[in-house]
Amino acid sequence: MAKIQTVGDLKKFLNDLPDHLPLIYSHDDEGNEFQKVIYSADIRYIEKTDKYRSLEIVDPKTEEEKANCEKCVLIN
């Protein structure tokens, strides 16, 4: 399976799939528990980091603050 890390990767992956498939996410990084996505997706900002757990959602007010953030798609 292809590594999906960006919205562009996800678009390519989903291109040929039917629209009715449910969205499921892994509850933990080891894939021990899975849950359905229940909330609407949202565009948010996180602090730029190499971490993949415990990401900090932030609300940058200025362009300078935004430069220290990454825009992302947030589910659940």
Protein backbone atom coordinates (compact mmCIF):
# COMPACT_ATOMS: atom_id res chain seq x y z
CA MET A 1 0.00 0.00 0.00
CA ALA A 2 1.24 3.48 -0.85
CA LYS A 3 2.30 5.77 1.98
CA ILE A 4 -0.33 8.49 2.31
CA GLN A 5 0.91 11.61 4.08
CA THR A 6 -0.68 14.53 2.24
CA VAL A 7 -4.07 15.48 0.88
CA GLY A 8 -2.65 15.01 -2.64
CA ASP A 9 -1.60 11.44 -1.77
CA LEU A 10 -5.07 10.80 -0.36
CA LYS A 11 -6.80 12.20 -3.48
CA LYS A 12 -4.80 9.87 -5.72
CA PHE A 13 -5.53 6.90 -3.47
CA LEU A 14 -9.28 7.61 -3.35
CA ASN A 15 -9.66 8.37 -7.05
CA ASP A 16 -11.10 4.99 -8.07
CA LEU A 17 -13.00 4.13 -4.89
CA PRO A 18 -16.79 4.34 -4.56
CA ASP A 19 -18.19 7.36 -2.69
CA HIS A 20 -20.11 5.36 -0.07
CA LEU A 21 -17.12 3.84 1.77
CA PRO A 22 -16.99 4.83 5.47
CA LEU A 23 -13.98 6.66 6.91
CA ILE A 24 -12.15 4.73 9.62
CA TYR A 25 -9.10 5.85 11.58
CA SER A 26 -6.64 4.10 13.84
CA HIS A 27 -7.14 5.11 17.46
CA ASP A 28 -3.47 4.50 18.29
CA ASP A 29 -0.16 4.32 16.45
CA GLU A 30 0.01 0.51 16.67
CA GLY A 31 -3.36 -0.11 15.01
CA ASN A 32 -4.85 -1.87 18.02
CA GLU A 33 -8.18 -0.07 17.85
CA PHE A 34 -10.15 1.49 15.00
CA GLN A 35 -13.07 3.92 15.01
CA LYS A 36 -15.35 5.56 12.46
CA VAL A 37 -14.89 9.24 11.73
CA ILE A 38 -17.93 10.92 13.26
CA TYR A 39 -17.25 14.66 13.04
CA SER A 40 -16.94 16.89 9.99
CA ALA A 41 -13.39 17.44 8.81
CA ASP A 42 -11.94 20.87 9.52
CA ILE A 43 -8.94 22.88 8.30
CA ARG A 44 -6.72 23.79 11.27
CA TYR A 45 -3.13 24.70 12.08
CA ILE A 46 -0.58 22.76 14.11
CA GLU A 47 2.81 23.83 15.36
CA LYS A 48 5.56 22.74 12.93
CA THR A 49 7.16 19.64 14.41
CA ASP A 50 8.64 16.27 13.55
CA LYS A 51 6.43 14.62 16.18
CA TYR A 52 3.51 12.47 15.08
CA ARG A 53 1.73 12.22 18.45
CA SER A 54 0.30 14.86 20.76
CA LEU A 55 0.25 17.55 18.08
CA GLU A 56 -0.58 21.04 19.24
CA ILE A 57 -3.57 22.70 17.51
CA VAL A 58 -2.97 26.46 17.38
CA ASP A 59 -4.86 29.53 16.15
CA PRO A 60 -2.28 31.81 14.52
CA LYS A 61 -3.39 35.43 14.24
CA THR A 62 -0.62 36.90 12.08
CA GLU A 63 1.25 35.84 8.96
CA GLU A 64 4.39 35.52 11.10
CA GLU A 65 2.62 33.09 13.44
CA LYS A 66 1.26 31.15 10.45
CA ALA A 67 4.83 30.77 9.13
CA ASN A 68 5.60 28.68 12.22
CA CYS A 69 2.61 26.41 11.63
CA GLU A 70 1.40 23.74 9.25
CA LYS A 71 -2.08 23.82 7.79
CA CYS A 72 -3.76 20.41 8.02
CA VAL A 73 -7.03 18.53 7.66
CA LEU A 74 -8.36 17.52 11.08
CA ILE A 75 -10.67 14.53 11.52
CA ASN A 76 -12.31 13.57 14.78
